[in-house]
């Protein structure tokens, strides 16, 4: 982690998958003062928008959050990562996720097995390939899941001076989180993460992995989306709250995320949300998310207080945040929030410790 990263909270934003919109949005994000932009793999390829984002920006970090690792193989991902790192002049972060068995096997027609060991080996294979290209070492990677032992000059990319991409991995469970601490450059936490869950579950698991590998907290960046309820007046805040309640309800209905609710003693809420989701009663689900649950999962604050609230929410656990600011906020309001984060989260006296 760079000293600048350690010194202050970075603020990122997502960019659209619609390629025609990416140049304008990426330029605006950079102009507003965001530190990075990320793409997800949902109904479009996550890498193509980043090429346009790199073309139309000069300092903005770009990254995938996430690309599905097990839908691909390390060699194809190594090529994509190398090219985006070269074209962006060192601004690319490769964010990978495992997805779930049903999608890997039935949507992508790829093998599924032991996601944590497979992800660990995927990263090791990537780095072996990049070392071959960057340092000229012989490619001879052989693991339980992947084998890469052939590389000729014709298939070796041109040298580049920017170093290899940093590798982030999406993690919710403790085993994947520990693995991130051992081998990854960054951890991509889920939006359905409370400060308590980050402090009591995610961070201890991450620190355990770091310690096992002889690494320190400064060796890894933790990135996390955060729900935000704010607005220029009470009406706008109420509208934002209604939308965020529905998002929280959607995630809360998913069995994979029940553990977060259980930690807070809200397991019964998951049971009811899951029941309503099976009935398709999405509006009713949002009504079950009361003010206490809302303020636990989201930053709820008027515009002048959003930056401080984000910093408090992330302190000690999150290094870069992707706040879901309401789309209705004008550009000057967004810029003001980002300026407040920069000025408030950088410690006085050049202290570069986290937290």
Protein backbone atom coordinates (compact mmCIF):
# COMPACT_ATOMS: atom_id res chain seq x y z
CA UNK A 1 0.00 0.00 0.00
CA UNK A 2 1.36 3.41 -0.91
CA UNK A 3 1.83 6.10 1.70
CA UNK A 4 -0.88 8.13 0.03
CA UNK A 5 -3.29 5.20 0.28
CA UNK A 6 -2.44 4.74 3.92
CA UNK A 7 -2.72 8.45 4.64
CA UNK A 8 -6.31 8.90 3.60
CA UNK A 9 -9.47 7.14 2.57
CA UNK A 10 -9.75 6.65 -1.18
CA UNK A 11 -13.17 7.15 -2.76
CA UNK A 12 -14.19 5.20 -5.86
CA UNK A 13 -17.21 4.87 -8.12
CA UNK A 14 -18.68 2.36 -10.50
CA UNK A 15 -18.90 3.05 -14.22
CA UNK A 16 -21.58 1.83 -16.63
CA UNK A 17 -21.30 -1.26 -18.79
CA UNK A 18 -22.85 0.65 -21.71
CA UNK A 19 -19.72 1.38 -23.74
CA UNK A 20 -21.22 4.48 -25.35
CA UNK A 21 -21.53 6.12 -21.92
CA UNK A 22 -18.13 5.22 -20.50
CA UNK A 23 -16.00 8.09 -21.94
CA UNK A 24 -18.25 10.83 -20.55
CA UNK A 25 -18.82 9.13 -17.20
CA UNK A 26 -15.15 8.29 -16.64
CA UNK A 27 -14.11 11.84 -17.50
CA UNK A 28 -16.70 13.23 -15.10
CA UNK A 29 -15.60 10.90 -12.31
CA UNK A 30 -12.01 12.04 -12.67
CA UNK A 31 -13.08 15.69 -12.81
CA UNK A 32 -15.15 15.31 -9.64
CA UNK A 33 -12.12 14.01 -7.76
CA UNK A 34 -12.75 10.28 -7.40
CA UNK A 35 -9.67 8.11 -6.96
CA UNK A 36 -10.80 5.10 -8.95
CA UNK A 37 -13.56 3.48 -10.96
CA UNK A 38 -14.65 -0.14 -11.09
CA UNK A 39 -16.71 -2.35 -13.38
CA UNK A 40 -18.69 -5.46 -12.48
CA UNK A 41 -19.43 -8.62 -14.43
CA UNK A 42 -23.21 -8.81 -14.60
CA UNK A 43 -24.74 -8.68 -18.06
CA UNK A 44 -21.69 -7.37 -19.95
CA UNK A 45 -17.96 -8.00 -20.11
CA UNK A 46 -16.17 -6.19 -17.25
CA UNK A 47 -12.90 -5.48 -19.09
CA UNK A 48 -14.02 -3.61 -22.21
CA UNK A 49 -15.32 -0.50 -20.38
CA UNK A 50 -11.98 -0.12 -18.62
CA UNK A 51 -10.15 0.32 -21.91
CA UNK A 52 -12.34 3.33 -22.66
CA UNK A 53 -12.02 4.61 -19.10
CA UNK A 54 -8.23 4.47 -19.39
CA UNK A 55 -8.33 6.29 -22.73
CA UNK A 56 -10.42 9.17 -21.40
CA UNK A 57 -8.66 9.71 -18.04
CA UNK A 58 -5.11 10.35 -16.91
CA UNK A 59 -4.86 9.64 -13.17
CA UNK A 60 -7.97 7.58 -12.28
CA UNK A 61 -7.31 4.01 -11.13
CA UNK A 62 -9.41 1.44 -13.01
CA UNK A 63 -10.42 -2.04 -11.92
CA UNK A 64 -12.82 -4.96 -12.11
CA UNK A 65 -15.08 -5.56 -9.14
CA UNK A 66 -15.39 -8.25 -10.04
CA UNK A 67 -14.41 -10.40 -13.02
CA UNK A 68 -15.41 -14.04 -12.54
CA UNK A 69 -12.11 -15.90 -12.23
CA UNK A 70 -13.41 -19.44 -12.65
CA UNK A 71 -15.21 -18.57 -15.87
CA UNK A 72 -11.75 -18.02 -17.36
CA UNK A 73 -8.24 -19.41 -17.07
CA UNK A 74 -5.11 -17.70 -15.71
CA UNK A 75 -3.50 -17.26 -19.15
CA UNK A 76 -6.39 -15.32 -20.69
CA UNK A 77 -6.73 -13.18 -17.57
CA UNK A 78 -2.97 -12.57 -17.52
CA UNK A 79 -3.16 -11.24 -21.08
CA UNK A 80 -6.08 -8.93 -20.27
CA UNK A 81 -4.40 -7.66 -17.12
CA UNK A 82 -1.07 -7.06 -18.85
CA UNK A 83 -2.64 -5.11 -21.71
CA UNK A 84 -4.85 -2.95 -19.48
CA UNK A 85 -1.92 -2.23 -17.16
CA UNK A 86 0.23 -1.19 -20.11
CA UNK A 87 -2.45 0.94 -21.79
CA UNK A 88 -3.47 2.68 -18.54
CA UNK A 89 0.19 3.27 -17.61
CA UNK A 90 0.03 1.35 -14.39
CA UNK A 91 -3.48 2.24 -13.21
CA UNK A 92 -5.19 -1.17 -13.49
CA UNK A 93 -6.36 -3.27 -10.51
CA UNK A 94 -7.50 -6.80 -11.31
CA UNK A 95 -10.44 -7.69 -9.09
CA UNK A 96 -11.47 -11.35 -9.13
CA UNK A 97 -14.39 -13.26 -7.64
CA UNK A 98 -15.30 -16.92 -7.41
CA UNK A 99 -19.07 -16.68 -8.07
CA UNK A 100 -21.09 -19.75 -6.99
CA UNK A 101 -21.24 -23.32 -8.23
CA UNK A 102 -24.51 -23.00 -10.15
CA UNK A 103 -23.25 -20.10 -12.27
CA UNK A 104 -19.81 -21.57 -12.88
CA UNK A 105 -21.15 -24.97 -13.92
CA UNK A 106 -24.47 -24.12 -15.56
CA UNK A 107 -23.93 -20.58 -16.96
CA UNK A 108 -20.24 -20.75 -17.86
CA UNK A 109 -19.92 -24.55 -18.30
CA UNK A 110 -16.69 -24.56 -16.31
CA UNK A 111 -15.54 -26.81 -13.44
CA UNK A 112 -16.30 -25.93 -9.82
CA UNK A 113 -14.31 -27.23 -6.89
CA UNK A 114 -12.92 -25.95 -3.59
CA UNK A 115 -13.10 -22.21 -4.33
CA UNK A 116 -10.49 -21.04 -1.82
CA UNK A 117 -7.66 -23.37 -2.92
CA UNK A 118 -8.61 -22.81 -6.57
CA UNK A 119 -8.50 -19.02 -6.16
CA UNK A 120 -5.16 -19.21 -4.36
CA UNK A 121 -3.75 -21.26 -7.24
CA UNK A 122 -5.33 -18.96 -9.86
CA UNK A 123 -3.43 -16.02 -8.37
CA UNK A 124 -0.19 -18.00 -8.16
CA UNK A 125 -0.55 -19.01 -11.82
CA UNK A 126 -1.20 -15.40 -12.85
CA UNK A 127 1.94 -14.25 -11.11
CA UNK A 128 4.02 -17.05 -12.61
CA UNK A 129 2.88 -16.02 -16.09
CA UNK A 130 3.55 -12.35 -15.42
CA UNK A 131 6.98 -13.19 -13.99
CA UNK A 132 7.76 -15.04 -17.21
CA UNK A 133 6.83 -12.00 -19.28
CA UNK A 134 8.25 -9.35 -16.96
CA UNK A 135 11.44 -11.00 -15.72
CA UNK A 136 12.11 -13.57 -18.43
CA UNK A 137 11.82 -16.50 -16.04
CA UNK A 138 10.93 -19.89 -17.47
CA UNK A 139 7.20 -20.66 -17.29
CA UNK A 140 6.76 -23.89 -15.40
CA UNK A 141 3.64 -23.60 -13.27
CA UNK A 142 1.99 -26.89 -12.31
CA UNK A 143 -0.76 -27.03 -9.70
CA UNK A 144 -3.81 -29.04 -8.75
CA UNK A 145 -6.17 -26.99 -10.93
CA UNK A 146 -4.03 -25.20 -13.51
CA UNK A 147 -0.91 -26.00 -15.49
CA UNK A 148 1.02 -23.49 -17.60
CA UNK A 149 4.32 -24.80 -18.92
CA UNK A 150 4.61 -23.45 -22.46
CA UNK A 151 5.58 -19.91 -23.45
CA UNK A 152 7.46 -19.02 -26.64
CA UNK A 153 8.70 -15.59 -27.80
CA UNK A 154 5.82 -15.30 -30.29
CA UNK A 155 3.29 -15.37 -27.45
CA UNK A 156 5.19 -13.16 -25.03
CA UNK A 157 3.84 -9.59 -24.81
CA UNK A 158 6.07 -6.58 -25.32
CA UNK A 159 7.83 -5.33 -22.16
CA UNK A 160 6.21 -2.54 -20.16
CA UNK A 161 7.63 -0.31 -17.41
CA UNK A 162 4.61 -0.18 -15.08
CA UNK A 163 4.88 -3.42 -13.11
CA UNK A 164 2.20 -6.09 -13.00
CA UNK A 165 -1.38 -5.36 -11.91
CA UNK A 166 -2.39 -5.60 -8.29
CA UNK A 167 -4.78 -8.48 -7.62
CA UNK A 168 -7.89 -7.92 -5.49
CA UNK A 169 -10.20 -10.77 -4.47
CA UNK A 170 -13.84 -10.61 -3.39
CA UNK A 171 -14.31 -12.24 0.01
CA UNK A 172 -17.19 -12.61 2.46
CA UNK A 173 -16.42 -15.85 4.31
CA UNK A 174 -13.53 -16.18 6.73
CA UNK A 175 -11.57 -18.74 4.68
CA UNK A 176 -11.48 -16.59 1.53
CA UNK A 177 -10.72 -13.52 3.64
CA UNK A 178 -7.75 -15.24 5.25
CA UNK A 179 -6.52 -16.30 1.82
CA UNK A 180 -6.65 -12.65 0.72
CA UNK A 181 -4.40 -11.78 3.63
CA UNK A 182 -1.94 -14.44 2.57
CA UNK A 183 -1.63 -13.83 -1.18
CA UNK A 184 -3.72 -10.91 -2.51
CA UNK A 185 -2.92 -7.23 -2.91
CA UNK A 186 -6.46 -6.20 -2.07
CA UNK A 187 -9.76 -7.45 -0.66
CA UNK A 188 -13.12 -6.54 -2.16
CA UNK A 189 -15.71 -6.64 0.60
CA UNK A 190 -19.45 -6.90 -0.07
CA UNK A 191 -21.85 -3.98 0.22
CA UNK A 192 -23.85 -6.00 2.75
CA UNK A 193 -21.18 -5.42 5.39
CA UNK A 194 -21.75 -3.49 8.59
CA UNK A 195 -19.02 -1.78 10.58
CA UNK A 196 -19.43 -4.39 13.30
CA UNK A 197 -19.07 -7.26 10.80
CA UNK A 198 -15.98 -5.60 9.33
CA UNK A 199 -14.43 -5.07 12.77
CA UNK A 200 -15.36 -8.45 14.33
CA UNK A 201 -15.28 -10.85 11.37
CA UNK A 202 -13.54 -9.48 8.27
CA UNK A 203 -10.59 -7.69 9.87
CA UNK A 204 -9.58 -10.49 12.30
CA UNK A 205 -9.68 -13.05 9.48
CA UNK A 206 -7.65 -10.76 7.23
CA UNK A 207 -5.07 -10.11 9.93
CA UNK A 208 -4.77 -13.85 10.58
CA UNK A 209 -3.99 -14.45 6.92
CA UNK A 210 -1.50 -11.62 6.82
CA UNK A 211 0.26 -12.93 9.92
CA UNK A 212 0.42 -16.44 8.49
CA UNK A 213 2.22 -15.07 5.43
CA UNK A 214 4.50 -12.74 7.40
CA UNK A 215 2.81 -9.68 5.95
CA UNK A 216 1.49 -6.48 7.55
CA UNK A 217 -1.78 -4.59 7.22
CA UNK A 218 -0.04 -2.03 5.00
CA UNK A 219 0.55 -4.77 2.41
CA UNK A 220 -3.11 -4.94 1.40
CA UNK A 221 -5.96 -2.56 0.53
CA UNK A 222 -9.52 -3.24 1.61
CA UNK A 223 -12.21 -1.88 -0.69
CA UNK A 224 -15.90 -1.84 0.18
CA UNK A 225 -19.11 -0.34 -1.27
CA UNK A 226 -21.24 1.52 1.27
CA UNK A 227 -24.91 2.42 1.05
CA UNK A 228 -25.49 6.15 1.52
CA UNK A 229 -28.70 7.96 2.42
CA UNK A 230 -28.35 11.69 1.88
CA UNK A 231 -29.81 14.54 -0.10
CA UNK A 232 -30.11 18.29 -0.44
CA UNK A 233 -33.35 18.34 1.60
CA UNK A 234 -35.59 16.06 3.69
CA UNK A 235 -37.63 14.95 0.68
CA UNK A 236 -34.51 13.87 -1.17
CA UNK A 237 -33.24 12.00 1.88
CA UNK A 238 -36.57 10.19 2.27
CA UNK A 239 -36.46 9.12 -1.36
CA UNK A 240 -32.89 7.90 -0.97
CA UNK A 241 -33.81 5.99 2.19
CA UNK A 242 -36.66 4.18 0.45
CA UNK A 243 -34.35 2.95 -2.28
CA UNK A 244 -31.63 1.82 0.12
CA UNK A 245 -34.16 -0.04 2.30
CA UNK A 246 -35.08 -2.13 -0.74
CA UNK A 247 -31.43 -2.86 -1.52
CA UNK A 248 -30.74 -3.95 2.05
CA UNK A 249 -33.87 -6.11 2.01
CA UNK A 250 -32.79 -7.80 -1.22
CA UNK A 251 -29.38 -8.74 0.16
CA UNK A 252 -30.88 -9.63 3.54
CA UNK A 253 -33.15 -12.19 1.89
CA UNK A 254 -30.16 -14.10 0.49
CA UNK A 255 -29.08 -17.10 2.60
CA UNK A 256 -25.38 -16.48 1.85
CA UNK A 257 -25.52 -13.17 3.74
CA UNK A 258 -27.59 -14.31 6.72
CA UNK A 259 -24.47 -14.40 8.88
CA UNK A 260 -24.26 -10.60 8.86
CA UNK A 261 -27.79 -10.31 10.19
CA UNK A 262 -27.18 -13.10 12.72
CA UNK A 263 -24.23 -11.17 14.13
CA UNK A 264 -26.63 -8.34 14.99
CA UNK A 265 -29.34 -10.67 16.32
CA UNK A 266 -31.55 -10.13 13.27
CA UNK A 267 -31.76 -13.70 12.00
CA UNK A 268 -35.57 -13.59 12.11
CA UNK A 269 -35.49 -10.66 9.70
CA UNK A 270 -33.67 -12.82 7.16
CA UNK A 271 -36.28 -15.56 7.56
CA UNK A 272 -39.13 -13.18 6.80
CA UNK A 273 -37.30 -11.41 3.98
CA UNK A 274 -36.49 -14.74 2.37
CA UNK A 275 -40.12 -15.82 2.63
CA UNK A 276 -41.36 -12.62 1.01
CA UNK A 277 -38.73 -12.83 -1.73
CA UNK A 278 -40.04 -16.24 -2.75
CA UNK A 279 -43.48 -14.64 -3.07
CA UNK A 280 -42.09 -11.74 -5.12
CA UNK A 281 -43.24 -9.14 -2.56
CA UNK A 282 -40.29 -6.80 -3.03
CA UNK A 283 -41.96 -3.59 -1.82
CA UNK A 284 -43.12 -5.26 1.37
CA UNK A 285 -39.57 -6.45 2.00
CA UNK A 286 -38.28 -2.89 2.04
CA UNK A 287 -40.85 -1.93 4.66
CA UNK A 288 -39.28 -4.44 7.08
CA UNK A 289 -35.99 -2.55 7.11
CA UNK A 290 -36.53 -0.16 10.01
CA UNK A 291 -34.43 2.87 10.89
CA UNK A 292 -32.07 0.89 13.14
CA UNK A 293 -31.28 -1.64 10.41
CA UNK A 294 -30.99 1.15 7.83
CA UNK A 295 -28.48 3.13 9.88
CA UNK A 296 -26.49 -0.03 10.63
CA UNK A 297 -26.00 -0.94 6.99
CA UNK A 298 -25.94 2.56 5.50
CA UNK A 299 -24.37 5.93 6.16
CA UNK A 300 -27.38 8.15 6.88
CA UNK A 301 -26.42 11.82 7.03
CA UNK A 302 -27.23 15.20 5.53
CA UNK A 303 -24.81 16.29 2.80
CA UNK A 304 -22.46 18.39 5.00
CA UNK A 305 -21.94 15.39 7.32
CA UNK A 306 -21.57 12.59 4.76
CA UNK A 307 -17.77 12.76 4.52
CA UNK A 308 -17.25 12.55 8.28
CA UNK A 309 -19.75 9.71 8.55
CA UNK A 310 -17.98 7.77 5.78
CA UNK A 311 -14.62 8.19 7.50
CA UNK A 312 -16.03 6.96 10.81
CA UNK A 313 -17.67 4.01 9.09
CA UNK A 314 -14.44 2.97 7.37
CA UNK A 315 -11.97 3.71 10.16
CA UNK A 316 -9.61 0.85 10.91
CA UNK A 317 -11.16 -1.54 8.39
CA UNK A 318 -11.61 0.02 4.94
CA UNK A 319 -8.97 1.80 2.85
CA UNK A 320 -11.05 2.66 -0.20
CA UNK A 321 -14.79 3.09 -0.25
CA UNK A 322 -17.35 3.12 -3.02
CA UNK A 323 -20.20 5.21 -1.57
CA UNK A 324 -23.53 4.75 -3.32
CA UNK A 325 -24.33 8.46 -3.47
CA UNK A 326 -27.81 9.23 -4.83
CA UNK A 327 -27.82 9.66 -8.60
CA UNK A 328 -29.85 12.85 -8.20
CA UNK A 329 -26.99 14.71 -6.49
CA UNK A 330 -25.61 17.53 -8.67
CA UNK A 331 -21.94 17.43 -9.58
CA UNK A 332 -20.98 20.29 -7.26
CA UNK A 333 -22.44 18.40 -4.30
CA UNK A 334 -20.52 15.24 -5.15
CA UNK A 335 -17.29 17.21 -5.58
CA UNK A 336 -17.82 18.86 -2.19
CA UNK A 337 -18.24 15.48 -0.47
CA UNK A 338 -15.03 14.18 -2.05
CA UNK A 339 -13.10 17.31 -1.06
CA UNK A 340 -14.38 16.91 2.51
CA UNK A 341 -13.18 13.29 2.59
CA UNK A 342 -9.74 14.27 1.33
CA UNK A 343 -9.32 17.05 3.85
CA UNK A 344 -10.81 15.18 6.82
CA UNK A 345 -9.29 11.72 6.37
CA UNK A 346 -5.64 12.70 5.87
CA UNK A 347 -3.95 12.77 9.28
CA UNK A 348 -2.10 15.87 10.34
CA UNK A 349 1.67 15.74 10.52
CA UNK A 350 2.07 13.20 7.72
CA UNK A 351 1.02 10.21 9.86
CA UNK A 352 0.51 7.30 7.45
CA UNK A 353 -1.09 4.78 9.80
CA UNK A 354 -4.54 3.39 9.02
CA UNK A 355 -7.53 3.87 11.18
